[in-house]
N, C-alpha and C. Protein backbone atom coordinates (compact mmCIF):
# COMPACT_ATOMS: atom_id res chain seq x y z
N UNK A 1 -13.81 -106.15 -30.30
CA UNK A 1 -14.98 -105.32 -29.96
C UNK A 1 -15.23 -104.24 -31.06
N UNK A 2 -16.50 -104.17 -31.21
CA UNK A 2 -16.86 -103.18 -32.31
C UNK A 2 -16.57 -101.75 -32.23
N UNK A 3 -16.32 -101.01 -33.26
CA UNK A 3 -16.00 -99.42 -32.98
C UNK A 3 -17.26 -98.87 -32.63
N UNK A 4 -18.49 -99.31 -33.08
CA UNK A 4 -19.63 -98.57 -32.81
C UNK A 4 -20.19 -98.63 -31.52
N UNK A 5 -19.69 -99.75 -30.59
CA UNK A 5 -19.97 -99.79 -29.32
C UNK A 5 -19.17 -99.05 -28.36
N UNK A 6 -19.69 -98.59 -27.36
CA UNK A 6 -18.83 -97.92 -26.56
C UNK A 6 -18.34 -98.88 -25.49
N UNK A 7 -17.06 -98.85 -25.08
CA UNK A 7 -16.57 -99.60 -24.01
C UNK A 7 -16.14 -98.90 -22.83
N UNK A 8 -16.37 -99.38 -21.81
CA UNK A 8 -16.21 -98.66 -20.52
C UNK A 8 -15.02 -99.45 -19.93
N UNK A 9 -13.98 -98.80 -19.64
CA UNK A 9 -12.76 -99.44 -19.02
C UNK A 9 -12.56 -98.80 -17.67
N UNK A 10 -12.42 -99.56 -16.54
CA UNK A 10 -12.31 -99.09 -15.35
C UNK A 10 -10.93 -98.56 -15.21
N UNK A 11 -10.65 -97.78 -14.16
CA UNK A 11 -9.36 -97.49 -13.79
C UNK A 11 -8.48 -98.48 -13.44
N UNK A 12 -8.93 -99.40 -12.71
CA UNK A 12 -8.20 -100.61 -12.35
C UNK A 12 -7.67 -101.36 -13.64
N UNK A 13 -8.55 -101.55 -14.60
CA UNK A 13 -8.18 -102.34 -15.82
C UNK A 13 -7.19 -101.48 -16.53
N UNK A 14 -7.25 -100.14 -16.67
CA UNK A 14 -6.49 -99.33 -17.28
C UNK A 14 -4.83 -99.51 -16.61
N UNK A 15 -5.03 -99.39 -15.20
CA UNK A 15 -3.66 -99.47 -14.41
C UNK A 15 -3.06 -100.88 -14.79
N UNK A 16 -3.90 -101.95 -14.68
CA UNK A 16 -3.31 -103.24 -14.90
C UNK A 16 -2.66 -103.42 -16.22
N UNK A 17 -3.31 -102.83 -17.44
CA UNK A 17 -2.82 -102.93 -18.60
C UNK A 17 -1.37 -101.97 -18.63
N UNK A 18 -1.49 -101.01 -18.12
CA UNK A 18 -0.46 -100.15 -18.11
C UNK A 18 0.79 -100.84 -17.45
N UNK A 19 0.73 -101.41 -16.21
CA UNK A 19 1.78 -102.13 -15.70
C UNK A 19 2.28 -103.45 -16.36
N UNK A 20 1.34 -104.08 -17.11
CA UNK A 20 1.77 -105.24 -18.04
C UNK A 20 2.51 -104.80 -19.09
N UNK A 21 2.28 -103.53 -19.61
CA UNK A 21 2.96 -103.08 -20.80
C UNK A 21 4.29 -102.67 -20.36
N UNK A 22 4.61 -102.19 -19.16
CA UNK A 22 5.87 -101.81 -18.76
C UNK A 22 6.70 -103.11 -18.63
N UNK A 23 6.09 -104.22 -18.07
CA UNK A 23 6.75 -105.51 -17.83
C UNK A 23 7.01 -106.42 -19.10
N UNK A 24 6.27 -105.82 -20.36
CA UNK A 24 6.47 -106.68 -21.43
C UNK A 24 7.83 -106.76 -21.89
N UNK A 25 8.04 -107.70 -22.53
CA UNK A 25 9.38 -108.11 -23.18
C UNK A 25 9.70 -107.28 -24.60
N UNK A 26 8.74 -106.66 -25.00
CA UNK A 26 8.96 -105.88 -26.25
C UNK A 26 9.70 -104.63 -25.82
N UNK A 27 10.95 -104.55 -26.65
CA UNK A 27 11.57 -103.23 -26.17
C UNK A 27 11.01 -102.14 -26.94
N UNK A 28 11.03 -100.94 -26.35
CA UNK A 28 10.52 -99.72 -26.88
C UNK A 28 11.59 -98.89 -27.84
N UNK A 29 12.77 -99.34 -27.73
CA UNK A 29 13.74 -98.53 -28.73
C UNK A 29 14.15 -99.72 -29.61
N UNK A 30 14.13 -99.51 -30.80
CA UNK A 30 14.40 -100.35 -31.91
C UNK A 30 15.95 -100.93 -31.93
N UNK A 31 16.27 -102.04 -32.38
CA UNK A 31 17.55 -102.47 -32.44
C UNK A 31 18.36 -101.69 -33.25
N UNK A 32 19.74 -101.32 -32.76
CA UNK A 32 20.57 -100.52 -33.53
C UNK A 32 20.35 -99.04 -33.34
N UNK A 33 19.48 -98.56 -32.63
CA UNK A 33 19.34 -97.25 -32.46
C UNK A 33 20.34 -96.76 -31.57
N UNK A 34 20.87 -95.73 -31.70
CA UNK A 34 21.93 -94.85 -31.08
C UNK A 34 21.44 -93.98 -29.90
N UNK A 35 21.34 -94.55 -28.81
CA UNK A 35 20.83 -93.99 -27.61
C UNK A 35 21.73 -93.50 -26.83
N UNK A 36 22.01 -92.21 -26.50
CA UNK A 36 23.01 -91.57 -25.60
C UNK A 36 22.35 -91.00 -24.23
N UNK A 37 22.89 -90.93 -23.21
CA UNK A 37 22.48 -90.46 -22.06
C UNK A 37 22.47 -88.98 -22.28
N UNK A 38 21.55 -88.31 -21.58
CA UNK A 38 21.39 -86.95 -21.51
C UNK A 38 22.45 -86.22 -20.68
N UNK A 39 23.13 -85.30 -21.23
CA UNK A 39 23.98 -84.43 -20.39
C UNK A 39 23.47 -83.08 -20.00
N UNK A 40 23.40 -83.02 -18.66
CA UNK A 40 22.92 -81.86 -18.12
C UNK A 40 23.77 -80.97 -17.94
N UNK A 41 23.43 -79.58 -18.36
CA UNK A 41 24.24 -78.52 -18.37
C UNK A 41 23.69 -77.63 -17.17
N UNK A 42 24.84 -77.00 -16.26
CA UNK A 42 24.21 -76.27 -15.14
C UNK A 42 23.27 -75.06 -15.69
N UNK A 43 22.32 -74.56 -15.03
CA UNK A 43 21.65 -73.34 -15.48
C UNK A 43 22.48 -72.22 -15.05
N UNK A 44 22.17 -71.16 -15.78
CA UNK A 44 22.83 -69.91 -15.61
C UNK A 44 22.09 -69.02 -14.58
N UNK A 45 22.07 -69.46 -13.44
CA UNK A 45 21.27 -68.90 -12.35
C UNK A 45 22.12 -67.49 -12.11
N UNK A 46 23.20 -67.28 -12.20
CA UNK A 46 24.15 -66.44 -11.82
C UNK A 46 23.95 -65.15 -12.66
N UNK A 47 23.28 -65.26 -13.96
CA UNK A 47 23.24 -64.21 -14.90
C UNK A 47 21.73 -63.92 -15.04
N UNK A 48 21.23 -62.96 -14.31
CA UNK A 48 19.83 -62.68 -14.35
C UNK A 48 19.90 -61.44 -15.19
N UNK A 49 19.07 -61.34 -16.40
CA UNK A 49 19.19 -60.18 -17.26
C UNK A 49 18.51 -58.85 -16.56
N UNK A 50 18.77 -57.74 -16.85
CA UNK A 50 18.29 -56.59 -16.44
C UNK A 50 17.11 -56.23 -17.22
N UNK A 51 16.09 -55.36 -16.52
CA UNK A 51 14.90 -54.99 -17.51
C UNK A 51 15.37 -54.49 -18.87
N UNK A 52 16.41 -53.68 -18.72
CA UNK A 52 16.84 -53.14 -20.19
C UNK A 52 17.15 -54.08 -21.16
N UNK A 53 17.83 -55.07 -20.60
CA UNK A 53 18.19 -56.17 -21.60
C UNK A 53 17.06 -56.92 -22.07
N UNK A 54 16.04 -57.11 -21.16
CA UNK A 54 14.98 -57.99 -21.65
C UNK A 54 14.15 -56.94 -22.72
N UNK A 55 14.01 -55.67 -22.27
CA UNK A 55 13.21 -54.59 -22.98
C UNK A 55 13.77 -54.64 -24.34
N UNK A 56 15.07 -54.54 -24.46
CA UNK A 56 15.85 -54.32 -25.87
C UNK A 56 15.38 -55.51 -26.77
N UNK A 57 14.82 -56.68 -26.45
CA UNK A 57 14.51 -57.69 -27.25
C UNK A 57 13.09 -57.39 -27.81
N UNK A 58 12.31 -56.72 -27.31
CA UNK A 58 10.96 -56.35 -27.72
C UNK A 58 10.91 -55.66 -29.07
N UNK A 59 9.91 -55.70 -29.72
CA UNK A 59 9.64 -54.85 -30.90
C UNK A 59 9.44 -53.32 -30.61
N UNK A 60 10.08 -52.65 -31.20
CA UNK A 60 9.74 -51.11 -31.11
C UNK A 60 8.96 -50.53 -32.04
N UNK A 61 8.62 -50.94 -33.27
CA UNK A 61 7.98 -50.44 -34.25
C UNK A 61 6.52 -50.94 -34.30
N UNK A 62 5.79 -50.39 -33.35
CA UNK A 62 4.49 -50.77 -33.22
C UNK A 62 3.47 -50.09 -34.44
N UNK A 63 2.54 -50.75 -34.74
CA UNK A 63 1.73 -50.18 -35.83
C UNK A 63 0.26 -50.58 -35.53
N UNK A 64 -0.60 -49.92 -36.18
CA UNK A 64 -2.09 -50.20 -35.93
C UNK A 64 -2.65 -50.26 -34.57
N UNK A 65 -3.26 -51.34 -34.28
CA UNK A 65 -3.94 -51.34 -32.90
C UNK A 65 -3.09 -51.65 -31.76
N UNK A 66 -1.80 -51.92 -32.05
CA UNK A 66 -0.65 -51.96 -31.15
C UNK A 66 -0.35 -50.66 -30.47
N UNK A 67 -0.58 -49.70 -31.04
CA UNK A 67 -0.34 -48.26 -30.51
C UNK A 67 -1.25 -47.97 -29.43
N UNK A 68 -2.44 -48.87 -29.47
CA UNK A 68 -3.33 -48.31 -28.39
C UNK A 68 -2.99 -49.01 -27.01
N UNK A 69 -2.03 -49.75 -26.91
CA UNK A 69 -1.52 -50.42 -25.79
C UNK A 69 -0.90 -49.36 -24.77
N UNK A 70 -1.29 -49.20 -23.66
CA UNK A 70 -0.54 -48.43 -22.56
C UNK A 70 -0.47 -49.10 -21.23
N UNK A 71 0.82 -48.92 -20.61
CA UNK A 71 0.88 -49.55 -19.25
C UNK A 71 0.24 -48.44 -18.16
N UNK A 72 -0.18 -49.16 -17.30
CA UNK A 72 -0.79 -48.24 -16.11
C UNK A 72 0.31 -47.66 -15.40
N UNK A 73 -0.10 -46.39 -14.85
CA UNK A 73 1.13 -45.72 -14.00
C UNK A 73 1.64 -46.70 -12.85
N UNK A 74 0.85 -47.31 -12.21
CA UNK A 74 1.38 -48.21 -11.16
C UNK A 74 2.41 -49.24 -11.50
N UNK A 75 2.22 -49.94 -12.72
CA UNK A 75 3.20 -50.86 -13.27
C UNK A 75 4.27 -50.09 -13.91
N UNK A 76 4.13 -49.00 -14.66
CA UNK A 76 5.26 -48.38 -15.21
C UNK A 76 6.16 -47.79 -14.14
N UNK A 77 5.81 -47.38 -13.03
CA UNK A 77 6.61 -46.66 -12.11
C UNK A 77 7.54 -48.04 -11.44
N UNK A 78 6.89 -49.14 -11.24
CA UNK A 78 7.70 -50.28 -10.72
C UNK A 78 8.76 -50.72 -11.73
N UNK A 79 8.51 -50.58 -13.15
CA UNK A 79 9.23 -51.15 -14.21
C UNK A 79 10.10 -50.24 -14.64
N UNK A 80 10.30 -49.08 -14.18
CA UNK A 80 11.18 -47.72 -14.42
C UNK A 80 10.77 -47.50 -15.93
N UNK A 81 9.42 -47.60 -16.32
CA UNK A 81 9.26 -47.39 -17.62
C UNK A 81 9.12 -45.77 -17.96
N UNK A 82 8.92 -45.07 -16.91
CA UNK A 82 8.89 -43.55 -17.00
C UNK A 82 10.15 -43.17 -17.53
N UNK A 83 11.20 -43.59 -17.16
CA UNK A 83 12.63 -43.22 -17.40
C UNK A 83 12.82 -43.56 -18.92
N UNK A 84 12.33 -44.80 -19.36
CA UNK A 84 12.45 -45.31 -20.62
C UNK A 84 11.58 -44.30 -21.56
N UNK A 85 10.45 -43.98 -21.22
CA UNK A 85 9.47 -43.15 -21.94
C UNK A 85 10.15 -41.84 -22.13
N UNK A 86 10.91 -41.30 -21.25
CA UNK A 86 11.50 -40.06 -21.21
C UNK A 86 12.65 -40.21 -22.33
N UNK A 87 13.34 -41.16 -22.07
CA UNK A 87 14.40 -41.48 -23.08
C UNK A 87 13.90 -41.59 -24.48
N UNK A 88 12.84 -42.30 -24.67
CA UNK A 88 12.31 -42.43 -25.92
C UNK A 88 11.82 -41.15 -26.56
N UNK A 89 11.31 -40.31 -25.50
CA UNK A 89 10.74 -39.04 -26.12
C UNK A 89 11.82 -38.11 -26.62
N UNK A 90 13.06 -38.08 -25.85
CA UNK A 90 14.24 -37.33 -26.13
C UNK A 90 14.83 -37.85 -27.42
N UNK A 91 14.59 -39.20 -27.41
CA UNK A 91 15.28 -39.71 -28.75
C UNK A 91 14.31 -39.24 -30.06
N UNK A 92 13.17 -39.10 -29.93
CA UNK A 92 12.21 -38.75 -30.81
C UNK A 92 12.48 -37.30 -31.12
N UNK A 93 12.65 -36.44 -30.26
CA UNK A 93 12.88 -34.99 -30.31
C UNK A 93 14.35 -34.87 -31.03
N UNK A 94 15.24 -35.66 -30.56
CA UNK A 94 16.65 -35.65 -31.34
C UNK A 94 16.63 -35.94 -32.60
N UNK A 95 15.68 -36.88 -32.99
CA UNK A 95 15.69 -37.32 -34.32
C UNK A 95 15.02 -36.34 -35.27
N UNK A 96 13.95 -35.60 -34.69
CA UNK A 96 13.20 -34.56 -35.37
C UNK A 96 14.16 -33.32 -35.62
N UNK A 97 14.92 -33.04 -34.41
CA UNK A 97 15.83 -31.87 -34.54
C UNK A 97 16.81 -32.36 -35.63
N UNK A 98 17.46 -33.53 -35.72
CA UNK A 98 18.38 -33.80 -36.90
C UNK A 98 17.75 -33.63 -38.32
N UNK A 99 16.51 -34.11 -38.21
CA UNK A 99 15.86 -34.03 -39.61
C UNK A 99 15.57 -32.45 -39.98
N UNK A 100 15.25 -31.64 -39.22
CA UNK A 100 15.10 -30.05 -39.41
C UNK A 100 16.42 -29.56 -39.65
N UNK A 101 17.34 -30.04 -38.90
CA UNK A 101 18.69 -29.47 -39.11
C UNK A 101 19.26 -29.95 -40.78
N UNK A 102 18.94 -30.98 -41.12
CA UNK A 102 19.38 -31.39 -42.19
C UNK A 102 18.62 -30.68 -43.43
N UNK A 103 17.49 -30.35 -43.26
CA UNK A 103 16.55 -29.41 -44.14
C UNK A 103 17.15 -28.20 -44.25
N UNK A 104 17.60 -27.61 -42.96
CA UNK A 104 18.12 -26.27 -42.88
C UNK A 104 19.46 -26.10 -43.67
N UNK A 105 20.15 -27.22 -43.34
CA UNK A 105 21.60 -27.28 -43.96
C UNK A 105 21.43 -27.29 -45.48
N UNK A 106 20.54 -28.23 -45.85
CA UNK A 106 20.39 -28.22 -47.40
C UNK A 106 19.87 -26.92 -48.09
N UNK A 107 18.92 -26.27 -47.43
CA UNK A 107 18.62 -24.87 -47.80
C UNK A 107 19.60 -23.87 -47.81
N UNK A 108 20.22 -23.84 -46.85
CA UNK A 108 21.41 -22.84 -46.56
C UNK A 108 22.41 -23.31 -47.59
N UNK A 109 22.74 -24.54 -47.90
CA UNK A 109 23.73 -24.91 -49.17
C UNK A 109 23.27 -24.33 -50.40
N UNK A 110 22.02 -24.75 -50.77
CA UNK A 110 21.48 -24.22 -52.00
C UNK A 110 21.61 -22.71 -51.98
N UNK A 111 21.12 -22.07 -51.18
CA UNK A 111 21.00 -20.55 -51.22
C UNK A 111 22.45 -20.05 -51.21
N UNK A 112 23.29 -20.41 -50.54
CA UNK A 112 24.77 -20.25 -50.56
C UNK A 112 25.25 -20.43 -51.95
N UNK A 113 25.19 -21.69 -52.61
CA UNK A 113 25.46 -21.85 -53.84
C UNK A 113 24.98 -20.87 -55.04
N UNK A 114 23.63 -20.64 -54.86
CA UNK A 114 23.11 -19.63 -55.62
C UNK A 114 23.52 -18.34 -55.64
N UNK A 115 23.97 -17.88 -54.33
CA UNK A 115 24.37 -16.49 -54.31
C UNK A 115 25.78 -16.52 -54.63
N UNK A 116 26.72 -17.45 -54.48
CA UNK A 116 27.99 -17.64 -54.94
C UNK A 116 28.00 -17.65 -56.45
N UNK A 117 27.15 -18.31 -57.12
CA UNK A 117 27.15 -18.52 -58.39
C UNK A 117 26.86 -17.04 -59.06
N UNK A 118 25.85 -16.28 -58.36
CA UNK A 118 25.51 -14.96 -58.93
C UNK A 118 26.59 -14.13 -58.85
N UNK A 119 27.31 -14.12 -57.58
CA UNK A 119 28.54 -13.29 -57.41
C UNK A 119 29.54 -13.68 -58.32
N UNK A 120 29.98 -14.80 -58.48
CA UNK A 120 30.88 -15.28 -59.53
C UNK A 120 30.67 -14.83 -60.85
N UNK A 121 29.33 -14.91 -61.29
CA UNK A 121 29.02 -14.33 -62.75
C UNK A 121 29.25 -12.95 -62.79
N UNK A 122 28.83 -12.24 -61.78
CA UNK A 122 29.15 -10.81 -61.83
C UNK A 122 30.58 -10.36 -61.74
N UNK A 123 31.30 -11.14 -60.92
CA UNK A 123 32.70 -10.93 -60.90
C UNK A 123 33.55 -11.13 -62.15
N UNK A 124 33.09 -12.28 -62.81
CA UNK A 124 33.75 -12.72 -64.05
C UNK A 124 33.38 -11.92 -65.10
N UNK A 125 32.09 -11.32 -65.09
CA UNK A 125 31.53 -10.30 -66.02
C UNK A 125 32.38 -8.96 -66.05
N UNK A 126 32.70 -8.60 -64.74
CA UNK A 126 33.37 -7.38 -64.59
C UNK A 126 34.90 -7.55 -65.14
N UNK A 127 35.50 -8.70 -64.71
CA UNK A 127 36.87 -8.92 -65.22
C UNK A 127 36.98 -9.11 -66.82
N UNK A 128 35.91 -9.78 -67.22
CA UNK A 128 36.03 -9.90 -68.61
C UNK A 128 35.70 -8.64 -69.40
N UNK A 129 34.77 -7.80 -68.72
CA UNK A 129 34.43 -6.35 -69.39
C UNK A 129 35.89 -5.55 -69.48
N UNK A 130 36.66 -5.60 -68.32
CA UNK A 130 37.85 -5.10 -68.35
C UNK A 130 38.85 -5.48 -69.29
N UNK A 131 38.97 -6.63 -69.40
CA UNK A 131 39.88 -7.33 -70.37
C UNK A 131 39.41 -6.92 -71.91
N UNK A 132 38.12 -7.02 -72.06
CA UNK A 132 37.66 -6.76 -73.50
C UNK A 132 37.94 -5.32 -73.74
N UNK A 133 37.74 -4.19 -72.75
CA UNK A 133 37.96 -2.97 -72.89
C UNK A 133 39.40 -2.83 -73.21
N UNK A 134 40.32 -3.27 -72.56
CA UNK A 134 41.70 -3.17 -72.87
C UNK A 134 42.04 -3.55 -74.34
N UNK A 135 41.43 -4.72 -74.80
CA UNK A 135 41.66 -5.30 -75.98
C UNK A 135 41.16 -4.39 -77.02
N UNK A 136 39.95 -3.63 -77.06
CA UNK A 136 39.23 -2.71 -77.67
C UNK A 136 40.15 -1.51 -77.85
N UNK A 137 40.63 -1.12 -76.67
CA UNK A 137 41.57 0.14 -76.63
C UNK A 137 42.82 -0.07 -77.40
N UNK A 138 43.43 -1.30 -77.31
CA UNK A 138 44.50 -1.74 -78.16
C UNK A 138 44.23 -1.72 -79.64
N UNK A 139 43.04 -2.21 -79.86
CA UNK A 139 42.56 -2.43 -81.31
C UNK A 139 42.43 -0.79 -81.90
N UNK A 140 41.86 -0.01 -81.12
CA UNK A 140 41.63 1.34 -81.45
C UNK A 140 42.89 2.04 -81.87
N UNK A 141 43.84 1.65 -80.88
CA UNK A 141 45.23 2.32 -81.09
C UNK A 141 45.80 1.80 -82.42
N UNK A 142 45.75 0.33 -82.79
CA UNK A 142 46.13 -0.12 -83.65
C UNK A 142 45.36 0.46 -85.11
N UNK A 143 44.24 0.47 -85.00
CA UNK A 143 43.53 1.27 -86.22
C UNK A 143 44.01 2.43 -86.58
N UNK A 144 44.16 3.26 -85.37
CA UNK A 144 44.60 4.75 -85.43
C UNK A 144 45.97 4.73 -86.12
N UNK A 145 46.81 3.81 -85.65
CA UNK A 145 48.37 3.73 -86.21
C UNK A 145 48.17 3.31 -87.58
N UNK A 146 47.30 2.34 -87.91
CA UNK A 146 47.20 2.03 -89.43
C UNK A 146 46.72 3.04 -90.27
N UNK A 147 45.74 3.88 -89.99
CA UNK A 147 45.15 5.00 -90.66
C UNK A 147 46.46 6.05 -90.90
N UNK A 148 47.06 6.37 -89.59
CA UNK A 148 48.04 7.35 -89.72
C UNK A 148 49.23 6.87 -90.89
N UNK A 149 49.60 5.58 -90.68
CA UNK A 149 50.54 4.82 -91.71
C UNK A 149 50.13 4.96 -93.10
N UNK A 150 48.75 4.81 -93.44
CA UNK A 150 48.28 4.84 -94.70
C UNK A 150 48.23 6.23 -95.20
N UNK A 151 47.83 7.08 -94.35
CA UNK A 151 48.07 8.64 -94.59
C UNK A 151 49.38 9.00 -94.97
N UNK A 152 50.25 8.61 -94.35
CA UNK A 152 51.74 8.89 -94.50
C UNK A 152 52.31 8.27 -95.84
N UNK A 153 51.66 7.01 -96.09
CA UNK A 153 52.43 6.29 -97.19
C UNK A 153 51.65 7.22 -98.25
N UNK A 154 50.42 7.47 -98.32
CA UNK A 154 49.69 8.10 -99.20
C UNK A 154 50.32 9.57 -99.64
N UNK A 155 50.90 10.27 -98.64
CA UNK A 155 51.62 11.57 -98.79
C UNK A 155 52.99 11.18 -99.44
N UNK A 156 53.45 10.06 -99.05
CA UNK A 156 54.95 9.72 -99.54
C UNK A 156 54.90 9.36 -100.96
N UNK A 157 53.92 8.80 -101.60
CA UNK A 157 53.70 8.29 -102.82
C UNK A 157 53.05 9.44 -103.81
N UNK A 158 52.89 10.45 -103.26
CA UNK A 158 52.26 11.53 -104.09
C UNK A 158 53.18 12.44 -104.73
């Protein structure tokens, strides 16, 4: 039959061809094919996941137009979404508090470091000033002793 002409096949002819195909001697599986019986495993009907387990598989980082999606109050109350929204809100508040706390800790650490450094410099300056004053005093005593010794030597040799 030519491809350009439309052939009408009746349902009866189609059924007869189908039945004759099933009875044909041509095997559907090629020779040498390894065909195994299917092993049915029992369904896990005892393990029904909770809504929280199913919800944990959903994406939580929504962006763009996905942020516009909101559940109606009627559906949300049936799915205990209100509790999850409250937990999500508390989690966001906690994360924000931790971020602010980290900022405050860093600022306090930096301020404490600067104050400690300034106090340390002042204390070291005072300690060094006392040490240098003692050294200058001993140097002045040494100079005085040398002058006296020089004068004494000058008197002795005259």
